[in-house]
Amino acid sequence: MYICLEFYWSNILQIKPKHANLNLMAEQEKLPGGKSTNENRKKKNEEMSFLEHLEVLRWHLVRAVVAVVIFAILAFANYHFIFDTLILKPKTPEFATNQFFNWISQVLNIPALAINDKPLQIININMAGQFATHIKISLLGGVILGFPYLFWEFWRFIKPALYEKEQKYATGAVLYSSALFILGILFGYYLIVPLSVNFLGSYDISDQITNQINLSSYISTVSSIVLAGGVVFELPVAIYFLSKVGLVTPAFMRRYRRHAYIVLLLLSAIITPPDVFSQIMVCFPLVFLYEIGIVISKRVANKREEDLLEA
């Protein structure tokens, strides 16, 4: 993971403007026979104007949008699986997380641990509510499923400006970044969503009020939680870049570790329902990611010291 993050820095924040050093790169990449491996491509890129660069970027964006649309169409066509098996499943007792907590509650004889033991009733009150929800979830599914390809298109755009030794890390960078994002989505879906649905769906202020949750409200809650999980799990990446620009150091992170834990607990409170148990369950992986960030920050600091000694 550290190697991939190192690649982020060298190719996004530290490289010179795109195609600015193509002559030097061509010299360094020449083969023994005196021929450059990418000579024709680099000469073409060197002669490109600013508008031509924008044209290249435009086609990368077009391909990314086409990929999202294709995945969205697949999600749209498989709406029974998307809704019945994925989105609406966390509110039912048959969901894996709900079954696990219900089993724990029986073993420990603590009924309060049982969650979603009764299906939550969902209603639709808008004429176009179900169709609009179908479109929204299909687009969201297209973005999530197409995230690795979207990131790959981004690397393809900056790849011509990279040295050959740097290009070999591109695939790994896309892989690990996508893995973190997907891992965060799975964490949000399998842990935060069931806890949130149980707390918010069963909360009442009077016996005279029956909870009948609107479809759009349920979908918004689930989708926001899932996406928040994917974004939060990019914490090691954020720490890496902050370490690279000198805003964060290993000593700083260790010194303010307790303060950081409080901030992470507050962040957990934002993306979870307002009950202590859910916040603690969410805070644990965030603390783990913070500790990984300390290791990454230390590696960045050591690399900076080595570069200064070599200079």
Protein backbone atom coordinates (compact mmCIF):
# COMPACT_ATOMS: atom_id res chain seq x y z
CA MET A 1 0.00 0.00 0.00
CA TYR A 2 2.86 2.38 0.83
CA ILE A 3 4.43 1.88 -2.60
CA CYS A 4 1.14 2.78 -4.26
CA LEU A 5 0.77 5.87 -2.11
CA GLU A 6 4.35 6.84 -2.93
CA PHE A 7 3.32 6.63 -6.55
CA TYR A 8 0.44 9.04 -5.87
CA TRP A 9 2.81 11.71 -4.64
CA SER A 10 5.45 11.36 -7.32
CA ASN A 11 2.90 11.54 -10.11
CA ILE A 12 0.29 14.01 -8.89
CA LEU A 13 1.92 16.50 -6.54
CA GLN A 14 5.58 16.48 -7.49
CA ILE A 15 5.78 15.91 -11.25
CA LYS A 16 6.28 18.89 -13.47
CA PRO A 17 3.54 20.00 -15.84
CA LYS A 18 2.29 17.31 -18.16
CA HIS A 19 4.73 16.47 -20.97
CA ALA A 20 7.12 19.25 -19.84
CA ASN A 21 10.15 16.95 -19.53
CA LEU A 22 9.48 14.66 -22.45
CA ASN A 23 12.89 15.30 -24.04
CA LEU A 24 14.69 14.28 -20.84
CA MET A 25 12.41 11.27 -20.42
CA ALA A 26 13.14 10.17 -23.99
CA GLU A 27 16.87 10.33 -23.32
CA GLN A 28 16.57 8.28 -20.14
CA GLU A 29 14.39 5.62 -21.76
CA LYS A 30 16.54 5.01 -24.85
CA LEU A 31 17.44 1.44 -25.67
CA PRO A 32 21.02 0.29 -26.32
CA GLY A 33 20.47 0.72 -30.06
CA GLY A 34 19.71 4.40 -29.55
CA LYS A 35 15.95 4.07 -30.15
CA SER A 36 13.44 5.29 -27.60
CA THR A 37 10.77 2.81 -26.53
CA ASN A 38 8.05 5.44 -26.71
CA GLU A 39 9.77 7.92 -29.02
CA ASN A 40 6.94 8.38 -31.48
CA ARG A 41 4.34 8.74 -28.74
CA LYS A 42 6.44 11.22 -26.77
CA LYS A 43 7.18 13.34 -29.83
CA LYS A 44 3.48 13.44 -30.57
CA ASN A 45 2.70 14.43 -26.97
CA GLU A 46 5.46 17.06 -26.99
CA GLU A 47 3.87 18.77 -29.98
CA MET A 48 0.41 18.78 -28.45
CA SER A 49 -1.09 22.15 -27.62
CA PHE A 50 -3.14 23.01 -24.56
CA LEU A 51 -6.39 22.50 -26.47
CA GLU A 52 -5.15 19.14 -27.72
CA HIS A 53 -4.44 18.12 -24.13
CA LEU A 54 -7.98 19.11 -23.26
CA GLU A 55 -9.20 16.97 -26.14
CA VAL A 56 -7.32 13.97 -24.73
CA LEU A 57 -8.83 14.63 -21.31
CA ARG A 58 -12.27 14.93 -22.87
CA TRP A 59 -12.04 11.46 -24.38
CA HIS A 60 -10.90 9.99 -21.08
CA LEU A 61 -13.95 11.57 -19.46
CA VAL A 62 -16.20 10.33 -22.25
CA ARG A 63 -14.99 6.75 -21.78
CA ALA A 64 -15.45 7.05 -18.03
CA VAL A 65 -19.01 8.30 -18.46
CA VAL A 66 -19.76 5.52 -20.95
CA ALA A 67 -18.50 2.96 -18.42
CA VAL A 68 -20.74 4.41 -15.71
CA VAL A 69 -23.72 4.35 -18.07
CA ILE A 70 -23.05 0.72 -19.03
CA PHE A 71 -22.85 -0.38 -15.40
CA ALA A 72 -25.92 1.73 -14.62
CA ILE A 73 -27.85 -0.04 -17.39
CA LEU A 74 -26.82 -3.40 -15.94
CA ALA A 75 -28.00 -2.28 -12.52
CA PHE A 76 -31.23 -0.96 -14.01
CA ALA A 77 -31.93 -4.29 -15.74
CA ASN A 78 -31.23 -6.29 -12.57
CA TYR A 79 -33.41 -4.16 -10.32
CA HIS A 80 -34.95 -7.16 -8.55
CA PHE A 81 -31.54 -8.26 -7.32
CA ILE A 82 -30.41 -4.68 -6.56
CA PHE A 83 -33.44 -3.83 -4.45
CA ASP A 84 -34.74 -7.11 -3.01
CA THR A 85 -31.36 -8.76 -2.34
CA LEU A 86 -29.15 -5.75 -1.60
CA ILE A 87 -30.82 -2.47 -0.67
CA LEU A 88 -33.96 -3.69 1.11
CA LYS A 89 -32.34 -6.73 2.69
CA PRO A 90 -30.68 -4.97 5.71
CA LYS A 91 -34.12 -4.16 7.14
CA THR A 92 -35.18 -7.81 7.27
CA PRO A 93 -34.40 -10.42 9.96
CA GLU A 94 -32.82 -12.66 7.27
CA PHE A 95 -29.92 -10.27 6.68
CA ALA A 96 -26.58 -11.76 7.79
CA THR A 97 -25.71 -8.95 10.21
CA ASN A 98 -29.15 -9.02 11.80
CA GLN A 99 -28.96 -12.78 12.26
CA PHE A 100 -25.53 -12.44 13.87
CA PHE A 101 -26.68 -9.82 16.40
CA ASN A 102 -29.82 -11.79 17.14
CA TRP A 103 -27.70 -14.89 17.80
CA ILE A 104 -25.40 -12.89 20.10
CA SER A 105 -28.42 -11.57 21.98
CA GLN A 106 -29.64 -15.13 22.60
CA VAL A 107 -26.23 -16.43 23.66
CA LEU A 108 -25.61 -13.55 26.08
CA ASN A 109 -29.28 -13.29 27.02
CA ILE A 110 -29.31 -9.58 26.19
CA PRO A 111 -32.45 -8.82 24.15
CA ALA A 112 -31.26 -5.27 23.47
CA LEU A 113 -28.59 -6.62 21.09
CA ALA A 114 -31.22 -8.03 18.73
CA ILE A 115 -31.69 -5.74 15.75
CA ASN A 116 -34.26 -5.65 12.93
CA ASP A 117 -36.08 -8.70 14.27
CA LYS A 118 -39.23 -7.35 12.62
CA PRO A 119 -39.28 -6.20 8.98
CA LEU A 120 -39.44 -2.43 8.53
CA GLN A 121 -42.42 -1.24 6.51
CA ILE A 122 -41.51 0.92 3.52
CA ILE A 123 -44.12 3.01 1.69
CA ASN A 124 -44.08 5.22 -1.40
CA ILE A 125 -46.12 8.41 -1.40
CA ASN A 126 -44.95 9.98 -4.67
CA MET A 127 -46.38 9.13 -8.08
CA ALA A 128 -42.93 8.85 -9.70
CA GLY A 129 -41.18 7.86 -6.47
CA GLN A 130 -40.34 4.27 -7.40
CA PHE A 131 -39.20 5.17 -10.91
CA ALA A 132 -37.03 8.03 -9.66
CA THR A 133 -35.53 5.72 -7.03
CA HIS A 134 -34.85 3.13 -9.72
CA ILE A 135 -32.91 5.69 -11.79
CA LYS A 136 -31.01 7.06 -8.78
CA ILE A 137 -29.88 3.67 -7.54
CA SER A 138 -28.91 2.57 -11.05
CA LEU A 139 -26.62 5.60 -11.44
CA LEU A 140 -25.17 5.06 -7.98
CA GLY A 141 -24.53 1.42 -8.82
CA GLY A 142 -22.84 2.50 -12.05
CA VAL A 143 -20.44 4.76 -10.14
CA ILE A 144 -19.62 2.11 -7.52
CA LEU A 145 -19.15 -0.72 -10.01
CA GLY A 146 -17.22 1.49 -12.42
CA PHE A 147 -14.96 3.10 -9.80
CA PRO A 148 -11.88 0.96 -10.66
CA TYR A 149 -12.26 1.82 -14.34
CA LEU A 150 -12.78 5.52 -13.57
CA PHE A 151 -9.55 5.55 -11.58
CA TRP A 152 -7.78 3.63 -14.34
CA GLU A 153 -8.80 6.25 -16.90
CA PHE A 154 -7.31 8.91 -14.63
CA TRP A 155 -3.97 7.07 -14.55
CA ARG A 156 -4.05 6.62 -18.31
CA PHE A 157 -4.27 10.39 -18.66
CA ILE A 158 -1.18 11.11 -16.55
CA LYS A 159 0.79 8.02 -17.65
CA PRO A 160 2.54 9.64 -20.68
CA ALA A 161 4.27 12.09 -18.29
CA LEU A 162 5.72 9.30 -16.13
CA TYR A 163 9.06 7.56 -16.25
CA GLU A 164 9.10 3.89 -17.18
CA LYS A 165 10.01 2.83 -13.64
CA GLU A 166 7.02 4.77 -12.31
CA GLN A 167 4.52 3.41 -14.80
CA LYS A 168 4.73 -0.12 -13.39
CA TYR A 169 3.10 1.06 -10.17
CA ALA A 170 -0.03 2.40 -11.91
CA THR A 171 -1.94 -0.86 -11.87
CA GLY A 172 -1.17 -1.42 -8.19
CA ALA A 173 -2.24 2.11 -7.30
CA VAL A 174 -5.60 1.63 -8.97
CA LEU A 175 -6.01 -1.76 -7.33
CA TYR A 176 -5.32 -0.66 -3.77
CA SER A 177 -7.27 2.59 -4.03
CA SER A 178 -10.27 0.71 -5.38
CA ALA A 179 -9.87 -1.96 -2.71
CA LEU A 180 -10.00 0.66 0.06
CA PHE A 181 -13.10 2.22 -1.47
CA ILE A 182 -14.90 -1.11 -1.89
CA LEU A 183 -13.87 -2.20 1.62
CA GLY A 184 -15.39 0.98 3.05
CA ILE A 185 -18.60 0.38 1.11
CA LEU A 186 -18.87 -3.18 2.40
CA PHE A 187 -18.20 -1.98 5.95
CA GLY A 188 -20.94 0.62 5.69
CA TYR A 189 -23.39 -1.81 4.11
CA TYR A 190 -22.90 -4.76 6.44
CA LEU A 191 -22.44 -2.90 9.73
CA ILE A 192 -23.54 0.73 9.72
CA VAL A 193 -26.67 0.32 7.59
CA PRO A 194 -28.33 -2.42 9.73
CA LEU A 195 -27.55 -0.54 12.94
CA SER A 196 -28.88 2.71 11.50
CA VAL A 197 -32.04 1.11 10.14
CA ASN A 198 -32.71 -0.58 13.46
CA PHE A 199 -32.22 2.56 15.52
CA LEU A 200 -33.97 5.08 13.28
CA GLY A 201 -36.72 2.73 12.12
CA SER A 202 -37.68 1.54 15.61
CA TYR A 203 -37.29 4.88 17.42
CA ASP A 204 -40.60 6.26 18.71
CA ILE A 205 -41.73 9.11 20.90
CA SER A 206 -45.31 7.89 21.40
CA ASP A 207 -47.27 4.65 21.13
CA GLN A 208 -49.83 6.55 19.09
CA ILE A 209 -47.38 7.02 16.22
CA THR A 210 -46.59 4.22 13.77
CA ASN A 211 -43.39 4.35 11.75
CA GLN A 212 -44.07 4.00 8.04
CA ILE A 213 -40.80 4.95 6.39
CA ASN A 214 -40.92 6.72 3.05
CA LEU A 215 -39.01 4.99 0.24
CA SER A 216 -36.93 8.05 -0.65
CA SER A 217 -35.96 8.55 3.01
CA TYR A 218 -34.80 4.95 3.33
CA ILE A 219 -32.86 5.01 0.06
CA SER A 220 -31.17 8.32 0.94
CA THR A 221 -30.10 6.99 4.33
CA VAL A 222 -28.67 3.75 2.94
CA SER A 223 -26.88 5.35 -0.02
CA SER A 224 -25.34 8.17 2.04
CA ILE A 225 -24.06 5.75 4.68
CA VAL A 226 -22.55 3.40 2.10
CA LEU A 227 -20.78 6.20 0.23
CA ALA A 228 -19.57 7.76 3.48
CA GLY A 229 -18.00 4.43 4.40
CA GLY A 230 -16.14 4.31 1.07
CA VAL A 231 -14.83 7.86 1.49
CA VAL A 232 -13.81 7.45 5.15
CA PHE A 233 -11.74 4.37 4.33
CA GLU A 234 -9.51 6.58 2.19
CA LEU A 235 -8.09 7.99 5.44
CA PRO A 236 -4.62 6.43 4.89
CA VAL A 237 -4.44 8.13 1.50
CA ALA A 238 -5.31 11.51 3.04
CA ILE A 239 -2.68 11.04 5.76
CA TYR A 240 -0.09 10.17 3.13
CA PHE A 241 -0.61 13.38 1.17
CA LEU A 242 -0.69 15.50 4.32
CA SER A 243 2.60 13.91 5.33
CA LYS A 244 4.09 14.62 1.92
CA VAL A 245 3.32 18.34 2.11
CA GLY A 246 4.62 18.48 5.67
CA LEU A 247 1.33 19.21 7.42
CA VAL A 248 1.43 15.91 9.32
CA THR A 249 4.37 14.08 10.90
CA PRO A 250 4.57 10.79 12.82
CA ALA A 251 5.50 12.64 15.99
CA PHE A 252 2.52 14.97 15.57
CA MET A 253 0.13 12.07 15.05
CA ARG A 254 1.45 10.24 18.11
CA ARG A 255 1.36 13.35 20.27
CA TYR A 256 -2.25 14.11 19.40
CA ARG A 257 -3.42 10.51 19.17
CA ARG A 258 -6.00 10.93 21.94
CA HIS A 259 -7.34 14.09 20.33
CA ALA A 260 -7.56 12.26 17.02
CA TYR A 261 -9.55 9.47 18.64
CA ILE A 262 -12.09 12.02 19.86
CA VAL A 263 -12.35 13.47 16.35
CA LEU A 264 -12.86 9.97 14.92
CA LEU A 265 -15.55 9.31 17.50
CA LEU A 266 -17.30 12.51 16.44
CA LEU A 267 -16.96 11.44 12.81
CA SER A 268 -18.52 8.10 13.73
CA ALA A 269 -21.40 9.96 15.35
CA ILE A 270 -21.98 11.86 12.11
CA ILE A 271 -22.21 8.82 9.84
CA THR A 272 -24.11 6.61 12.31
CA PRO A 273 -27.34 6.90 14.28
CA PRO A 274 -27.03 8.69 17.64
CA ASP A 275 -26.52 5.63 19.84
CA VAL A 276 -23.27 4.86 21.65
CA PHE A 277 -23.04 1.22 20.55
CA SER A 278 -23.10 2.06 16.83
CA GLN A 279 -20.58 4.85 17.27
CA ILE A 280 -18.12 2.58 19.05
CA MET A 281 -18.51 -0.16 16.44
CA VAL A 282 -17.75 2.32 13.66
CA CYS A 283 -14.93 4.03 15.55
CA PHE A 284 -12.83 0.85 15.88
CA PRO A 285 -11.91 0.51 12.18
CA LEU A 286 -11.30 4.26 11.94
CA VAL A 287 -8.81 4.02 14.80
CA PHE A 288 -7.15 1.10 13.02
CA LEU A 289 -6.87 3.16 9.83
CA TYR A 290 -5.39 6.04 11.85
CA GLU A 291 -2.70 3.74 13.24
CA ILE A 292 -1.91 2.57 9.71
CA GLY A 293 -1.63 6.25 8.79
CA ILE A 294 1.03 6.72 11.46
CA VAL A 295 3.10 3.94 9.88
CA ILE A 296 2.66 5.50 6.43
CA SER A 297 3.61 8.94 7.74
CA LYS A 298 6.74 7.46 9.30
CA ARG A 299 7.75 5.88 6.01
CA VAL A 300 7.24 9.20 4.24
CA ALA A 301 9.40 10.99 6.82
CA ASN A 302 12.17 8.39 6.49
CA LYS A 303 12.09 8.70 2.71
CA ARG A 304 12.37 12.48 2.97
CA GLU A 305 15.41 12.17 5.23
CA GLU A 306 17.07 9.73 2.81
CA ASP A 307 16.51 12.14 -0.07
CA LEU A 308 18.05 15.00 1.92
CA LEU A 309 21.12 12.89 2.74
CA GLU A 310 21.57 11.89 -0.90
CA ALA A 311 21.30 15.53 -1.95
